Amino acid sequence: MFNPSRDQARQFFFDAWRKYRSREVLAGLDSIALSVILLHPEYHPVLDDPERYQDREYRPEAGDTNPFLHMSMHLAIEEQLSVDQPPGIQAEFTRLAAKLGDRHAACHEVMECLAETVWRAQRDGSVPDTPAYLGCLKRR
């Protein structure tokens, strides 16, 4: 998926979950999405009810966590790790996962750094600061 809309990204997760539940064959990105979905059973009821959640607005200021954003960030991190982009992220991730003793917890630590990096780039109208991103990971 290249630059999907909000609705397309959400539909992608609904479809991956539906395929899994229907015992359809999953391949490629669907398989990776399913691995993320299975790590988050708290999102299964959302994925079971696309009509209710396809257009739902999630407001952080109201304490809402957007499950689709969270799962999409997991996918972004998996993609970064698969190609070691930015260079060095694989090594930092491996170090962090060993330190925490939990791959999923390490993904969430990376997610915090990624979210901060993306937020700063959006705020400043610039490209993401790769050295700052890796620096954030090194401090974890």
Protein backbone atom coordinates (compact mmCIF):
# COMPACT_ATOMS: atom_id res chain seq x y z
CA MET A 1 0.00 0.00 0.00
CA PHE A 2 1.44 3.30 -1.02
CA ASN A 3 0.05 6.33 0.81
CA PRO A 4 -3.39 4.87 1.47
CA SER A 5 -6.27 7.02 2.61
CA ARG A 6 -7.58 6.58 6.14
CA ASP A 7 -10.45 4.45 4.84
CA GLN A 8 -8.14 2.27 2.72
CA ALA A 9 -5.78 1.67 5.64
CA ARG A 10 -8.66 0.72 7.90
CA GLN A 11 -10.18 -1.53 5.25
CA PHE A 12 -6.83 -3.28 4.86
CA PHE A 13 -6.91 -4.31 8.54
CA PHE A 14 -10.59 -5.28 8.40
CA ASP A 15 -9.86 -7.43 5.32
CA ALA A 16 -6.81 -9.14 6.84
CA TRP A 17 -8.83 -10.01 9.94
CA ARG A 18 -11.79 -11.21 7.88
CA LYS A 19 -9.52 -13.41 5.74
CA TYR A 20 -7.95 -14.91 8.86
CA ARG A 21 -11.32 -15.56 10.47
CA SER A 22 -12.57 -17.15 7.21
CA ARG A 23 -9.43 -19.30 7.03
CA GLU A 24 -8.43 -17.75 3.71
CA VAL A 25 -4.80 -17.85 2.65
CA LEU A 26 -2.85 -14.80 3.75
CA ALA A 27 0.29 -13.67 2.00
CA GLY A 28 2.66 -10.74 2.02
CA LEU A 29 1.52 -7.68 3.90
CA ASP A 30 -1.70 -9.43 5.00
CA SER A 31 0.42 -11.94 6.93
CA ILE A 32 2.40 -9.18 8.60
CA ALA A 33 -0.79 -7.30 9.44
CA LEU A 34 -2.25 -10.44 10.97
CA SER A 35 0.82 -10.92 13.16
CA VAL A 36 0.28 -7.37 14.46
CA ILE A 37 -3.45 -7.93 14.94
CA LEU A 38 -2.81 -11.11 16.93
CA LEU A 39 -0.51 -9.17 19.27
CA HIS A 40 -3.45 -6.90 20.10
CA PRO A 41 -6.52 -8.90 21.16
CA GLU A 42 -8.00 -5.67 22.53
CA TYR A 43 -8.54 -4.61 18.89
CA HIS A 44 -10.31 -7.79 17.78
CA PRO A 45 -13.80 -6.48 18.67
CA VAL A 46 -13.10 -3.38 16.57
CA LEU A 47 -12.03 -5.50 13.61
CA ASP A 48 -15.10 -7.71 14.03
CA ASP A 49 -17.39 -4.71 13.48
CA PRO A 50 -16.29 -2.70 10.42
CA GLU A 51 -19.64 -0.93 10.06
CA ARG A 52 -19.28 0.56 13.51
CA TYR A 53 -15.57 1.44 13.39
CA GLN A 54 -14.76 2.27 9.75
CA ASP A 55 -15.60 5.97 10.20
CA ARG A 56 -15.03 6.36 13.93
CA GLU A 57 -13.01 9.40 14.97
CA TYR A 58 -10.37 8.82 17.64
CA ARG A 59 -9.46 11.87 19.67
CA PRO A 60 -6.25 11.68 21.72
CA GLU A 61 -7.34 14.69 23.76
CA ALA A 62 -10.31 12.57 24.91
CA GLY A 63 -7.99 9.70 25.81
CA ASP A 64 -8.81 7.70 22.68
CA THR A 65 -6.23 5.35 21.22
CA ASN A 66 -6.59 4.87 17.49
CA PRO A 67 -6.15 1.13 16.91
CA PHE A 68 -5.62 1.61 13.18
CA LEU A 69 -2.85 4.15 13.70
CA HIS A 70 -1.24 1.89 16.28
CA MET A 71 -1.31 -1.14 13.98
CA SER A 72 -0.12 0.95 11.02
CA MET A 73 2.86 2.12 13.05
CA HIS A 74 3.66 -1.52 13.83
CA LEU A 75 3.63 -2.21 10.08
CA ALA A 76 5.89 0.78 9.40
CA ILE A 77 8.38 -0.47 11.99
CA GLU A 78 8.33 -3.99 10.54
CA GLU A 79 9.04 -2.53 7.10
CA GLN A 80 11.91 -0.41 8.48
CA LEU A 81 13.39 -3.48 10.16
CA SER A 82 13.05 -5.64 7.03
CA VAL A 83 15.24 -3.26 5.00
CA ASP A 84 17.30 -1.71 7.83
CA GLN A 85 16.05 1.75 6.93
CA PRO A 86 17.08 4.03 8.42
CA PRO A 87 20.46 2.29 8.49
CA GLY A 88 21.17 1.02 11.97
CA ILE A 89 17.57 0.51 13.09
CA GLN A 90 17.95 -3.28 13.02
CA ALA A 91 20.91 -3.15 15.40
CA GLU A 92 19.17 -0.71 17.75
CA PHE A 93 16.02 -2.80 17.70
CA THR A 94 17.94 -6.00 18.41
CA ARG A 95 19.70 -4.31 21.33
CA LEU A 96 16.43 -2.93 22.69
CA ALA A 97 14.60 -6.25 22.34
CA ALA A 98 17.41 -8.04 24.19
CA LYS A 99 17.41 -5.39 26.92
CA LEU A 100 13.64 -5.64 27.40
CA GLY A 101 13.44 -9.38 26.79
CA ASP A 102 10.31 -8.83 24.69
CA ARG A 103 10.08 -8.08 20.97
CA HIS A 104 6.61 -6.53 21.24
CA ALA A 105 7.71 -4.21 24.05
CA ALA A 106 10.69 -3.19 21.90
CA CYS A 107 8.30 -2.38 19.03
CA HIS A 108 6.36 -0.10 21.35
CA GLU A 109 9.54 1.68 22.42
CA VAL A 110 10.47 2.20 18.76
CA MET A 111 6.92 3.41 18.14
CA GLU A 112 7.36 6.16 20.72
CA CYS A 113 10.48 7.38 18.91
CA LEU A 114 8.83 7.10 15.50
CA ALA A 115 5.76 9.02 16.65
CA GLU A 116 7.92 11.80 18.07
CA THR A 117 10.00 11.96 14.88
CA VAL A 118 6.94 12.15 12.63
CA TRP A 119 5.27 14.72 14.89
CA ARG A 120 8.36 16.97 14.82
CA ALA A 121 8.64 16.69 11.03
CA GLN A 122 4.97 17.62 10.62
CA ARG A 123 5.26 20.48 13.10
CA ASP A 124 8.38 21.85 11.40
CA GLY A 125 7.24 21.14 7.84
CA SER A 126 10.41 19.12 7.25
CA VAL A 127 11.52 15.60 6.51
CA PRO A 128 11.91 13.22 9.45
CA ASP A 129 15.21 13.68 11.30
CA THR A 130 16.81 10.25 10.98
CA PRO A 131 19.73 10.94 13.35
CA ALA A 132 17.27 12.17 15.99
CA TYR A 133 15.12 9.06 15.47
CA LEU A 134 18.10 6.73 15.95
CA GLY A 135 19.31 8.86 18.85
CA CYS A 136 15.96 8.42 20.55
CA LEU A 137 16.28 4.64 20.15
CA LYS A 138 19.82 4.67 21.57
CA ARG A 139 18.60 6.47 24.70
CA ARG A 140 16.02 3.76 25.42
